[in-house]
Amino acid sequence: MPLFYFLGGLTFSRRGGFKAFLARKAKTLLIPYYIFSLYFIAKPLAVILIPSLSSTFHSSHDYGNAGRQLFKVLIMGDGLWFLMAFFVGEIVMYGLTSLFETTFSMWTGFCS
């Protein structure tokens, strides 16, 4: 996982403006996050739709609170948290690089 973040930082690019950046990051990080989250929510969703299935699953999970488990996976990032964290990190990095670029260009303009 550290290699994932390291390589992501090496390939960081702000091209195309913020709207294009956000769309690109949503497509490459959030869509895979939600698609692979389907794997983590398959059993809880099945228990919500067909409650009698909870007794047939031989697992240590408590499927009595399947709604809470759906919230944890889809909103809180349980399981694939690193994709959501990387998305948020990329947005923060975009803001920081924009701020530093503006500050640096303003500073160099005063020094000339």
PDB file of N, CA and C in Angstrom:
ATOM      1  N   MET A   1       0.806  -1.196   0.000  1.00  0.00           N
ATOM      2  CA  MET A   1       0.000   0.000   0.000  1.00  0.00           C
ATOM      3  C   MET A   1       0.857   1.272   0.000  1.00  0.00           C
ATOM      4  N   PRO A   2       1.964   1.326   0.723  1.00  0.00           N
ATOM      5  CA  PRO A   2       2.795   2.526   0.626  1.00  0.00           C
ATOM      6  C   PRO A   2       3.280   2.783  -0.800  1.00  0.00           C
ATOM      7  N   LEU A   3       3.544   1.707  -1.541  1.00  0.00           N
ATOM      8  CA  LEU A   3       3.959   1.865  -2.933  1.00  0.00           C
ATOM      9  C   LEU A   3       2.839   2.485  -3.764  1.00  0.00           C
ATOM     10  N   PHE A   4       1.600   2.129  -3.481  1.00  0.00           N
ATOM     11  CA  PHE A   4       0.443   2.708  -4.166  1.00  0.00           C
ATOM     12  C   PHE A   4       0.417   4.221  -3.982  1.00  0.00           C
ATOM     13  N   TYR A   5       0.596   4.672  -2.739  1.00  0.00           N
ATOM     14  CA  TYR A   5       0.605   6.114  -2.458  1.00  0.00           C
ATOM     15  C   TYR A   5       1.829   6.795  -3.064  1.00  0.00           C
ATOM     16  N   PHE A   6       2.977   6.152  -2.982  1.00  0.00           N
ATOM     17  CA  PHE A   6       4.205   6.719  -3.530  1.00  0.00           C
ATOM     18  C   PHE A   6       4.093   6.923  -5.036  1.00  0.00           C
ATOM     19  N   LEU A   7       3.651   5.894  -5.738  1.00  0.00           N
ATOM     20  CA  LEU A   7       3.520   5.999  -7.194  1.00  0.00           C
ATOM     21  C   LEU A   7       2.426   6.993  -7.579  1.00  0.00           C
ATOM     22  N   GLY A   8       1.372   7.059  -6.804  1.00  0.00           N
ATOM     23  CA  GLY A   8       0.322   8.040  -7.050  1.00  0.00           C
ATOM     24  C   GLY A   8       0.834   9.458  -6.897  1.00  0.00           C
ATOM     25  N   GLY A   9       1.702   9.677  -5.910  1.00  0.00           N
ATOM     26  CA  GLY A   9       2.307  10.993  -5.734  1.00  0.00           C
ATOM     27  C   GLY A   9       3.255  11.351  -6.856  1.00  0.00           C
ATOM     28  N   LEU A  10       3.972  10.365  -7.359  1.00  0.00           N
ATOM     29  CA  LEU A  10       4.894  10.616  -8.472  1.00  0.00           C
ATOM     30  C   LEU A  10       4.159  10.985  -9.761  1.00  0.00           C
ATOM     31  N   THR A  11       2.975  10.454  -9.918  1.00  0.00           N
ATOM     32  CA  THR A  11       2.223  10.696 -11.154  1.00  0.00           C
ATOM     33  C   THR A  11       1.166  11.787 -10.999  1.00  0.00           C
ATOM     34  N   PHE A  12       1.200  12.541  -9.907  1.00  0.00           N
ATOM     35  CA  PHE A  12       0.225  13.599  -9.666  1.00  0.00           C
ATOM     36  C   PHE A  12       0.325  14.675 -10.743  1.00  0.00           C
ATOM     37  N   SER A  13      -0.834  15.081 -11.269  1.00  0.00           N
ATOM     38  CA  SER A  13      -0.880  16.116 -12.299  1.00  0.00           C
ATOM     39  C   SER A  13      -2.149  16.934 -12.137  1.00  0.00           C
ATOM     40  N   ARG A  14      -2.012  18.263 -12.283  1.00  0.00           N
ATOM     41  CA  ARG A  14      -3.177  19.146 -12.146  1.00  0.00           C
ATOM     42  C   ARG A  14      -3.726  19.568 -13.507  1.00  0.00           C
ATOM     43  N   ARG A  15      -3.380  18.918 -14.561  1.00  0.00           N
ATOM     44  CA  ARG A  15      -3.770  19.352 -15.905  1.00  0.00           C
ATOM     45  C   ARG A  15      -5.281  19.418 -16.083  1.00  0.00           C
ATOM     46  N   GLY A  16      -5.704  20.402 -16.843  1.00  0.00           N
ATOM     47  CA  GLY A  16      -7.110  20.509 -17.214  1.00  0.00           C
ATOM     48  C   GLY A  16      -8.002  21.303 -16.285  1.00  0.00           C
ATOM     49  N   GLY A  17      -7.478  21.883 -15.233  1.00  0.00           N
ATOM     50  CA  GLY A  17      -8.325  22.627 -14.311  1.00  0.00           C
ATOM     51  C   GLY A  17      -8.972  21.714 -13.278  1.00  0.00           C
ATOM     52  N   PHE A  18      -9.580  22.336 -12.268  1.00  0.00           N
ATOM     53  CA  PHE A  18     -10.113  21.560 -11.147  1.00  0.00           C
ATOM     54  C   PHE A  18     -11.275  20.664 -11.545  1.00  0.00           C
ATOM     55  N   LYS A  19     -12.159  21.144 -12.390  1.00  0.00           N
ATOM     56  CA  LYS A  19     -13.329  20.343 -12.771  1.00  0.00           C
ATOM     57  C   LYS A  19     -12.904  19.064 -13.510  1.00  0.00           C
ATOM     58  N   ALA A  20     -11.964  19.199 -14.441  1.00  0.00           N
ATOM     59  CA  ALA A  20     -11.456  18.031 -15.168  1.00  0.00           C
ATOM     60  C   ALA A  20     -10.676  17.114 -14.231  1.00  0.00           C
ATOM     61  N   PHE A  21      -9.910  17.701 -13.321  1.00  0.00           N
ATOM     62  CA  PHE A  21      -9.146  16.929 -12.337  1.00  0.00           C
ATOM     63  C   PHE A  21     -10.087  16.095 -11.470  1.00  0.00           C
ATOM     64  N   LEU A  22     -11.133  16.741 -10.965  1.00  0.00           N
ATOM     65  CA  LEU A  22     -12.091  16.054 -10.107  1.00  0.00           C
ATOM     66  C   LEU A  22     -12.808  14.927 -10.852  1.00  0.00           C
ATOM     67  N   ALA A  23     -13.198  15.195 -12.088  1.00  0.00           N
ATOM     68  CA  ALA A  23     -13.869  14.157 -12.888  1.00  0.00           C
ATOM     69  C   ALA A  23     -12.932  12.982 -13.151  1.00  0.00           C
ATOM     70  N   ARG A  24     -11.674  13.275 -13.450  1.00  0.00           N
ATOM     71  CA  ARG A  24     -10.694  12.215 -13.725  1.00  0.00           C
ATOM     72  C   ARG A  24     -10.447  11.378 -12.478  1.00  0.00           C
ATOM     73  N   LYS A  25     -10.311  12.026 -11.327  1.00  0.00           N
ATOM     74  CA  LYS A  25     -10.053  11.289 -10.085  1.00  0.00           C
ATOM     75  C   LYS A  25     -11.280  10.486  -9.653  1.00  0.00           C
ATOM     76  N   ALA A  26     -12.460  11.027  -9.854  1.00  0.00           N
ATOM     77  CA  ALA A  26     -13.676  10.282  -9.523  1.00  0.00           C
ATOM     78  C   ALA A  26     -13.779   9.036 -10.398  1.00  0.00           C
ATOM     79  N   LYS A  27     -13.439   9.183 -11.664  1.00  0.00           N
ATOM     80  CA  LYS A  27     -13.522   8.048 -12.586  1.00  0.00           C
ATOM     81  C   LYS A  27     -12.479   6.978 -12.258  1.00  0.00           C
ATOM     82  N   THR A  28     -11.284   7.392 -11.874  1.00  0.00           N
ATOM     83  CA  THR A  28     -10.222   6.416 -11.651  1.00  0.00           C
ATOM     84  C   THR A  28     -10.136   5.898 -10.220  1.00  0.00           C
ATOM     85  N   LEU A  29     -10.756   6.592  -9.259  1.00  0.00           N
ATOM     86  CA  LEU A  29     -10.683   6.141  -7.873  1.00  0.00           C
ATOM     87  C   LEU A  29     -12.038   5.798  -7.269  1.00  0.00           C
ATOM     88  N   LEU A  30     -13.034   6.655  -7.454  1.00  0.00           N
ATOM     89  CA  LEU A  30     -14.322   6.415  -6.805  1.00  0.00           C
ATOM     90  C   LEU A  30     -15.129   5.321  -7.484  1.00  0.00           C
ATOM     91  N   ILE A  31     -15.110   5.274  -8.807  1.00  0.00           N
ATOM     92  CA  ILE A  31     -15.868   4.219  -9.499  1.00  0.00           C
ATOM     93  C   ILE A  31     -15.318   2.839  -9.136  1.00  0.00           C
ATOM     94  N   PRO A  32     -13.986   2.619  -9.195  1.00  0.00           N
ATOM     95  CA  PRO A  32     -13.487   1.308  -8.735  1.00  0.00           C
ATOM     96  C   PRO A  32     -13.798   1.042  -7.264  1.00  0.00           C
ATOM     97  N   TYR A  33     -13.764   2.093  -6.444  1.00  0.00           N
ATOM     98  CA  TYR A  33     -14.077   1.928  -5.023  1.00  0.00           C
ATOM     99  C   TYR A  33     -15.487   1.378  -4.847  1.00  0.00           C
ATOM    100  N   TYR A  34     -16.455   1.976  -5.517  1.00  0.00           N
ATOM    101  CA  TYR A  34     -17.841   1.530  -5.360  1.00  0.00           C
ATOM    102  C   TYR A  34     -18.099   0.199  -6.065  1.00  0.00           C
ATOM    103  N   ILE A  35     -17.439  -0.063  -7.167  1.00  0.00           N
ATOM    104  CA  ILE A  35     -17.626  -1.359  -7.835  1.00  0.00           C
ATOM    105  C   ILE A  35     -17.087  -2.493  -6.965  1.00  0.00           C
ATOM    106  N   PHE A  36     -15.870  -2.320  -6.422  1.00  0.00           N
ATOM    107  CA  PHE A  36     -15.315  -3.369  -5.569  1.00  0.00           C
ATOM    108  C   PHE A  36     -16.007  -3.431  -4.213  1.00  0.00           C
ATOM    109  N   SER A  37     -16.664  -2.359  -3.806  1.00  0.00           N
ATOM    110  CA  SER A  37     -17.437  -2.384  -2.567  1.00  0.00           C
ATOM    111  C   SER A  37     -18.644  -3.309  -2.697  1.00  0.00           C
ATOM    112  N   LEU A  38     -19.106  -3.520  -3.917  1.00  0.00           N
ATOM    113  CA  LEU A  38     -20.226  -4.443  -4.124  1.00  0.00           C
ATOM    114  C   LEU A  38     -19.900  -5.832  -3.590  1.00  0.00           C
ATOM    115  N   TYR A  39     -18.638  -6.207  -3.699  1.00  0.00           N
ATOM    116  CA  TYR A  39     -18.203  -7.498  -3.158  1.00  0.00           C
ATOM    117  C   TYR A  39     -18.410  -7.545  -1.646  1.00  0.00           C
ATOM    118  N   PHE A  40     -18.065  -6.452  -0.968  1.00  0.00           N
ATOM    119  CA  PHE A  40     -18.161  -6.412   0.488  1.00  0.00           C
ATOM    120  C   PHE A  40     -19.599  -6.306   0.986  1.00  0.00           C
ATOM    121  N   ILE A  41     -20.513  -5.832   0.148  1.00  0.00           N
ATOM    122  CA  ILE A  41     -21.883  -5.650   0.606  1.00  0.00           C
ATOM    123  C   ILE A  41     -22.843  -6.709   0.067  1.00  0.00           C
ATOM    124  N   ALA A  42     -22.339  -7.693  -0.648  1.00  0.00           N
ATOM    125  CA  ALA A  42     -23.215  -8.701  -1.239  1.00  0.00           C
ATOM    126  C   ALA A  42     -24.007  -9.465  -0.179  1.00  0.00           C
ATOM    127  N   LYS A  43     -23.328  -9.968   0.840  1.00  0.00           N
ATOM    128  CA  LYS A  43     -24.035 -10.730   1.884  1.00  0.00           C
ATOM    129  C   LYS A  43     -24.976  -9.855   2.700  1.00  0.00           C
ATOM    130  N   PRO A  44     -24.532  -8.682   3.203  1.00  0.00           N
ATOM    131  CA  PRO A  44     -25.486  -7.858   3.965  1.00  0.00           C
ATOM    132  C   PRO A  44     -26.698  -7.453   3.140  1.00  0.00           C
ATOM    133  N   LEU A  45     -26.494  -7.166   1.862  1.00  0.00           N
ATOM    134  CA  LEU A  45     -27.604  -6.792   0.997  1.00  0.00           C
ATOM    135  C   LEU A  45     -28.556  -7.968   0.802  1.00  0.00           C
ATOM    136  N   ALA A  46     -27.999  -9.159   0.654  1.00  0.00           N
ATOM    137  CA  ALA A  46     -28.844 -10.353   0.516  1.00  0.00           C
ATOM    138  C   ALA A  46     -29.666 -10.579   1.784  1.00  0.00           C
ATOM    139  N   VAL A  47     -29.071 -10.325   2.954  1.00  0.00           N
ATOM    140  CA  VAL A  47     -29.793 -10.506   4.220  1.00  0.00           C
ATOM    141  C   VAL A  47     -30.891  -9.466   4.367  1.00  0.00           C
ATOM    142  N   ILE A  48     -30.642  -8.242   3.896  1.00  0.00           N
ATOM    143  CA  ILE A  48     -31.684  -7.221   3.956  1.00  0.00           C
ATOM    144  C   ILE A  48     -32.849  -7.598   3.050  1.00  0.00           C
ATOM    145  N   LEU A  49     -32.535  -8.070   1.853  1.00  0.00           N
ATOM    146  CA  LEU A  49     -33.586  -8.420   0.893  1.00  0.00           C
ATOM    147  C   LEU A  49     -34.303  -9.710   1.265  1.00  0.00           C
ATOM    148  N   ILE A  50     -33.558 -10.711   1.760  1.00  0.00           N
ATOM    149  CA  ILE A  50     -34.134 -12.007   2.128  1.00  0.00           C
ATOM    150  C   ILE A  50     -33.624 -12.371   3.528  1.00  0.00           C
ATOM    151  N   PRO A  51     -34.309 -11.941   4.578  1.00  0.00           N
ATOM    152  CA  PRO A  51     -33.821 -12.151   5.957  1.00  0.00           C
ATOM    153  C   PRO A  51     -33.584 -13.610   6.329  1.00  0.00           C
ATOM    154  N   SER A  52     -34.288 -14.548   5.714  1.00  0.00           N
ATOM    155  CA  SER A  52     -34.110 -15.954   6.073  1.00  0.00           C
ATOM    156  C   SER A  52     -32.729 -16.491   5.667  1.00  0.00           C
ATOM    157  N   LEU A  53     -32.006 -15.753   4.838  1.00  0.00           N
ATOM    158  CA  LEU A  53     -30.670 -16.194   4.417  1.00  0.00           C
ATOM    159  C   LEU A  53     -29.629 -16.069   5.527  1.00  0.00           C
ATOM    160  N   SER A  54     -29.878 -15.256   6.525  1.00  0.00           N
ATOM    161  CA  SER A  54     -28.868 -15.034   7.567  1.00  0.00           C
ATOM    162  C   SER A  54     -28.471 -16.326   8.269  1.00  0.00           C
ATOM    163  N   SER A  55     -29.409 -17.255   8.400  1.00  0.00           N
ATOM    164  CA  SER A  55     -29.079 -18.522   9.063  1.00  0.00           C
ATOM    165  C   SER A  55     -28.301 -19.466   8.145  1.00  0.00           C
ATOM    166  N   THR A  56     -28.377 -19.266   6.834  1.00  0.00           N
ATOM    167  CA  THR A  56     -27.664 -20.158   5.919  1.00  0.00           C
ATOM    168  C   THR A  56     -26.207 -19.758   5.712  1.00  0.00           C
ATOM    169  N   PHE A  57     -25.855 -18.507   6.005  1.00  0.00           N
ATOM    170  CA  PHE A  57     -24.465 -18.076   5.866  1.00  0.00           C
ATOM    171  C   PHE A  57     -23.664 -18.580   7.063  1.00  0.00           C
ATOM    172  N   HIS A  58     -22.643 -19.335   6.789  1.00  0.00           N
ATOM    173  CA  HIS A  58     -21.779 -19.859   7.849  1.00  0.00           C
ATOM    174  C   HIS A  58     -20.591 -18.912   7.987  1.00  0.00           C
ATOM    175  N   SER A  59     -20.787 -17.876   8.779  1.00  0.00           N
ATOM    176  CA  SER A  59     -19.769 -16.852   8.939  1.00  0.00           C
ATOM    177  C   SER A  59     -19.809 -16.309  10.356  1.00  0.00           C
ATOM    178  N   SER A  60     -18.712 -15.659  10.758  1.00  0.00           N
ATOM    179  CA  SER A  60     -18.663 -15.078  12.099  1.00  0.00           C
ATOM    180  C   SER A  60     -19.283 -13.686  12.134  1.00  0.00           C
ATOM    181  N   HIS A  61     -19.703 -13.158  10.986  1.00  0.00           N
ATOM    182  CA  HIS A  61     -20.304 -11.819  10.932  1.00  0.00           C
ATOM    183  C   HIS A  61     -21.714 -11.832  11.498  1.00  0.00           C
ATOM    184  N   ASP A  62     -22.078 -10.730  12.122  1.00  0.00           N
ATOM    185  CA  ASP A  62     -23.442 -10.553  12.616  1.00  0.00           C
ATOM    186  C   ASP A  62     -24.226  -9.815  11.533  1.00  0.00           C
ATOM    187  N   TYR A  63     -25.085 -10.528  10.842  1.00  0.00           N
ATOM    188  CA  TYR A  63     -25.855  -9.916   9.762  1.00  0.00           C
ATOM    189  C   TYR A  63     -27.171  -9.334  10.264  1.00  0.00           C
ATOM    190  N   GLY A  64     -27.356  -9.292  11.579  1.00  0.00           N
ATOM    191  CA  GLY A  64     -28.559  -8.703  12.132  1.00  0.00           C
ATOM    192  C   GLY A  64     -28.619  -7.202  11.900  1.00  0.00           C
ATOM    193  N   ASN A  65     -27.467  -6.564  11.788  1.00  0.00           N
ATOM    194  CA  ASN A  65     -27.400  -5.129  11.568  1.00  0.00           C
ATOM    195  C   ASN A  65     -26.769  -4.854  10.200  1.00  0.00           C
ATOM    196  N   ALA A  66     -27.388  -5.357   9.161  1.00  0.00           N
ATOM    197  CA  ALA A  66     -26.845  -5.252   7.810  1.00  0.00           C
ATOM    198  C   ALA A  66     -26.837  -3.810   7.311  1.00  0.00           C
ATOM    199  N   GLY A  67     -27.800  -3.003   7.737  1.00  0.00           N
ATOM    200  CA  GLY A  67     -27.826  -1.590   7.324  1.00  0.00           C
ATOM    201  C   GLY A  67     -26.598  -0.842   7.815  1.00  0.00           C
ATOM    202  N   ARG A  68     -26.189  -1.135   9.041  1.00  0.00           N
ATOM    203  CA  ARG A  68     -24.978  -0.505   9.586  1.00  0.00           C
ATOM    204  C   ARG A  68     -23.748  -0.936   8.797  1.00  0.00           C
ATOM    205  N   GLN A  69     -23.708  -2.200   8.408  1.00  0.00           N
ATOM    206  CA  GLN A  69     -22.575  -2.693   7.632  1.00  0.00           C
ATOM    207  C   GLN A  69     -22.535  -2.039   6.246  1.00  0.00           C
ATOM    208  N   LEU A  70     -23.698  -1.832   5.640  1.00  0.00           N
ATOM    209  CA  LEU A  70     -23.744  -1.119   4.352  1.00  0.00           C
ATOM    210  C   LEU A  70     -23.198   0.293   4.501  1.00  0.00           C
ATOM    211  N   PHE A  71     -23.577   0.980   5.572  1.00  0.00           N
ATOM    212  CA  PHE A  71     -23.083   2.328   5.835  1.00  0.00           C
ATOM    213  C   PHE A  71     -21.566   2.322   5.999  1.00  0.00           C
ATOM    214  N   LYS A  72     -21.055   1.354   6.751  1.00  0.00           N
ATOM    215  CA  LYS A  72     -19.612   1.284   6.978  1.00  0.00           C
ATOM    216  C   LYS A  72     -18.846   1.065   5.677  1.00  0.00           C
ATOM    217  N   VAL A  73     -19.363   0.246   4.789  1.00  0.00           N
ATOM    218  CA  VAL A  73     -18.657  -0.039   3.540  1.00  0.00           C
ATOM    219  C   VAL A  73     -18.794   1.111   2.547  1.00  0.00           C
ATOM    220  N   LEU A  74     -20.022   1.579   2.322  1.00  0.00           N
ATOM    221  CA  LEU A  74     -20.247   2.571   1.267  1.00  0.00           C
ATOM    222  C   LEU A  74     -19.848   3.990   1.659  1.00  0.00           C
ATOM    223  N   ILE A  75     -20.015   4.357   2.899  1.00  0.00           N
ATOM    224  CA  ILE A  75     -19.750   5.733   3.327  1.00  0.00           C
ATOM    225  C   ILE A  75     -18.423   5.843   4.072  1.00  0.00           C
ATOM    226  N   MET A  76     -18.181   4.963   5.004  1.00  0.00           N
ATOM    227  CA  MET A  76     -16.994   5.069   5.843  1.00  0.00           C
ATOM    228  C   MET A  76     -15.755   4.424   5.232  1.00  0.00           C
ATOM    229  N   GLY A  77     -15.904   3.666   4.163  1.00  0.00           N
ATOM    230  CA  GLY A  77     -14.746   3.105   3.472  1.00  0.00           C
ATOM    231  C   GLY A  77     -14.179   1.845   4.089  1.00  0.00           C
ATOM    232  N   ASP A  78     -14.988   1.089   4.779  1.00  0.00           N
ATOM    233  CA  ASP A  78     -14.522  -0.151   5.382  1.00  0.00           C
ATOM    234  C   ASP A  78     -14.070  -1.114   4.285  1.00  0.00           C
ATOM    235  N   GLY A  79     -12.879  -1.650   4.377  1.00  0.00           N
ATOM    236  CA  GLY A  79     -12.381  -2.595   3.391  1.00  0.00           C
ATOM    237  C   GLY A  79     -11.501  -1.943   2.350  1.00  0.00           C
ATOM    238  N   LEU A  80     -11.988  -0.956   1.660  1.00  0.00           N
ATOM    239  CA  LEU A  80     -11.216  -0.289   0.598  1.00  0.00           C
ATOM    240  C   LEU A  80     -10.937   1.163   0.960  1.00  0.00           C
ATOM    241  N   TRP A  81     -10.677   1.411   2.219  1.00  0.00           N
ATOM    242  CA  TRP A  81     -10.482   2.760   2.721  1.00  0.00           C
ATOM    243  C   TRP A  81      -9.372   3.504   1.991  1.00  0.00           C
ATOM    244  N   PHE A  82      -8.359   2.780   1.521  1.00  0.00           N
ATOM    245  CA  PHE A  82      -7.214   3.441   0.906  1.00  0.00           C
ATOM    246  C   PHE A  82      -7.566   4.157  -0.390  1.00  0.00           C
ATOM    247  N   LEU A  83      -8.562   3.669  -1.133  1.00  0.00           N
ATOM    248  CA  LEU A  83      -8.977   4.372  -2.353  1.00  0.00           C
ATOM    249  C   LEU A  83      -9.664   5.689  -2.017  1.00  0.00           C
ATOM    250  N   MET A  84     -10.534   5.672  -1.010  1.00  0.00           N
ATOM    251  CA  MET A  84     -11.206   6.903  -0.590  1.00  0.00           C
ATOM    252  C   MET A  84     -10.193   7.876   0.013  1.00  0.00           C
ATOM    253  N   ALA A  85      -9.258   7.363   0.819  1.00  0.00           N
ATOM    254  CA  ALA A  85      -8.233   8.219   1.420  1.00  0.00           C
ATOM    255  C   ALA A  85      -7.341   8.827   0.345  1.00  0.00           C
ATOM    256  N   PHE A  86      -7.024   8.065  -0.677  1.00  0.00           N
ATOM    257  CA  PHE A  86      -6.190   8.578  -1.758  1.00  0.00           C
ATOM    258  C   PHE A  86      -6.945   9.656  -2.547  1.00  0.00           C
ATOM    259  N   PHE A  87      -8.243   9.457  -2.764  1.00  0.00           N
ATOM    260  CA  PHE A  87      -9.059  10.454  -3.453  1.00  0.00           C
ATOM    261  C   PHE A  87      -9.053  11.766  -2.676  1.00  0.00           C
ATOM    262  N   VAL A  88      -9.297  11.697  -1.381  1.00  0.00           N
ATOM    263  CA  VAL A  88      -9.299  12.901  -0.543  1.00  0.00           C
ATOM    264  C   VAL A  88      -7.910  13.538  -0.546  1.00  0.00           C
ATOM    265  N   GLY A  89      -6.865  12.721  -0.462  1.00  0.00           N
ATOM    266  CA  GLY A  89      -5.498  13.234  -0.497  1.00  0.00           C
ATOM    267  C   GLY A  89      -5.176  13.947  -1.800  1.00  0.00           C
ATOM    268  N   GLU A  90      -5.660  13.424  -2.894  1.00  0.00           N
ATOM    269  CA  GLU A  90      -5.425  14.060  -4.196  1.00  0.00           C
ATOM    270  C   GLU A  90      -6.121  15.423  -4.259  1.00  0.00           C
ATOM    271  N   ILE A  91      -7.317  15.524  -3.724  1.00  0.00           N
ATOM    272  CA  ILE A  91      -8.039  16.801  -3.714  1.00  0.00           C
ATOM    273  C   ILE A  91      -7.287  17.817  -2.853  1.00  0.00           C
ATOM    274  N   VAL A  92      -6.828  17.382  -1.681  1.00  0.00           N
ATOM    275  CA  VAL A  92      -6.058  18.267  -0.804  1.00  0.00           C
ATOM    276  C   VAL A  92      -4.763  18.689  -1.496  1.00  0.00           C
ATOM    277  N   MET A  93      -4.108  17.755  -2.152  1.00  0.00           N
ATOM    278  CA  MET A  93      -2.855  18.064  -2.855  1.00  0.00           C
ATOM    279  C   MET A  93      -3.087  19.071  -3.974  1.00  0.00           C
ATOM    280  N   TYR A  94      -4.195  18.958  -4.670  1.00  0.00           N
ATOM    281  CA  TYR A  94      -4.525  19.927  -5.722  1.00  0.00           C
ATOM    282  C   TYR A  94      -4.629  21.331  -5.113  1.00  0.00           C
ATOM    283  N   GLY A  95      -5.332  21.438  -4.000  1.00  0.00           N
ATOM    284  CA  GLY A  95      -5.474  22.731  -3.341  1.00  0.00           C
ATOM    285  C   GLY A  95      -4.143  23.285  -2.857  1.00  0.00           C
ATOM    286  N   LEU A  96      -3.310  22.424  -2.262  1.00  0.00           N
ATOM    287  CA  LEU A  96      -2.012  22.879  -1.765  1.00  0.00           C
ATOM    288  C   LEU A  96      -1.087  23.320  -2.888  1.00  0.00           C
ATOM    289  N   THR A  97      -1.040  22.552  -3.963  1.00  0.00           N
ATOM    290  CA  THR A  97      -0.164  22.943  -5.069  1.00  0.00           C
ATOM    291  C   THR A  97      -0.662  24.220  -5.733  1.00  0.00           C
ATOM    292  N   SER A  98      -1.971  24.408  -5.813  1.00  0.00           N
ATOM    293  CA  SER A  98      -2.515  25.656  -6.362  1.00  0.00           C
ATOM    294  C   SER A  98      -2.151  26.833  -5.468  1.00  0.00           C
ATOM    295  N   LEU A  99      -2.271  26.640  -4.159  1.00  0.00           N
ATOM    296  CA  LEU A  99      -1.947  27.699  -3.205  1.00  0.00           C
ATOM    297  C   LEU A  99      -0.468  28.052  -3.264  1.00  0.00           C
ATOM    298  N   PHE A 100       0.399  27.048  -3.271  1.00  0.00           N
ATOM    299  CA  PHE A 100       1.834  27.307  -3.309  1.00  0.00           C
ATOM    300  C   PHE A 100       2.256  27.931  -4.628  1.00  0.00           C
ATOM    301  N   GLU A 101       1.635  27.523  -5.716  1.00  0.00           N
ATOM    302  CA  GLU A 101       1.965  28.109  -7.015  1.00  0.00           C
ATOM    303  C   GLU A 101       1.586  29.589  -7.036  1.00  0.00           C
ATOM    304  N   THR A 102       0.417  29.919  -6.520  1.00  0.00           N
ATOM    305  CA  THR A 102      -0.035  31.310  -6.463  1.00  0.00           C
ATOM    306  C   THR A 102       0.859  32.130  -5.536  1.00  0.00           C
ATOM    307  N   THR A 103       1.155  31.581  -4.363  1.00  0.00           N
ATOM    308  CA  THR A 103       1.995  32.282  -3.399  1.00  0.00           C
ATOM    309  C   THR A 103       3.398  32.476  -3.942  1.00  0.00           C
ATOM    310  N   PHE A 104       3.958  31.447  -4.569  1.00  0.00           N
ATOM    311  CA  PHE A 104       5.314  31.535  -5.096  1.00  0.00           C
ATOM    312  C   PHE A 104       5.390  32.544  -6.236  1.00  0.00           C
ATOM    313  N   SER A 105       4.401  32.533  -7.145  1.00  0.00           N
ATOM    314  CA  SER A 105       4.433  33.472  -8.261  1.00  0.00           C
ATOM    315  C   SER A 105       4.239  34.905  -7.760  1.00  0.00           C
ATOM    316  N   MET A 106       3.433  35.085  -6.720  1.00  0.00           N
ATOM    317  CA  MET A 106       3.245  36.409  -6.145  1.00  0.00           C
ATOM    318  C   MET A 106       4.541  36.876  -5.457  1.00  0.00           C
ATOM    319  N   TRP A 107       5.214  35.971  -4.761  1.00  0.00           N
ATOM    320  CA  TRP A 107       6.456  36.290  -4.057  1.00  0.00           C
ATOM    321  C   TRP A 107       7.563  36.643  -5.027  1.00  0.00           C
ATOM    322  N   THR A 108       7.673  35.872  -6.117  1.00  0.00           N
ATOM    323  CA  THR A 108       8.717  36.157  -7.100  1.00  0.00           C
ATOM    324  C   THR A 108       8.434  37.448  -7.843  1.00  0.00           C
ATOM    325  N   GLY A 109       7.169  37.826  -7.968  1.00  0.00           N
ATOM    326  CA  GLY A 109       6.817  39.086  -8.608  1.00  0.00           C
ATOM    327  C   GLY A 109       7.244  40.268  -7.769  1.00  0.00           C
ATOM    328  N   PHE A 110       7.202  40.132  -6.442  1.00  0.00           N
ATOM    329  CA  PHE A 110       7.634  41.210  -5.549  1.00  0.00           C
ATOM    330  C   PHE A 110       9.149  41.346  -5.530  1.00  0.00           C
ATOM    331  N   CYS A 111       9.843  40.237  -5.741  1.00  0.00           N
ATOM    332  CA  CYS A 111      11.305  40.260  -5.642  1.00  0.00           C
ATOM    333  C   CYS A 111      11.970  40.761  -6.917  1.00  0.00           C
ATOM    334  N   SER A 112      11.264  40.833  -8.026  1.00  0.00           N
ATOM    335  CA  SER A 112      11.898  41.240  -9.279  1.00  0.00           C
ATOM    336  C   SER A 112      11.987  42.733  -9.393  1.00  0.00           C
TER     337      SER A 112
END
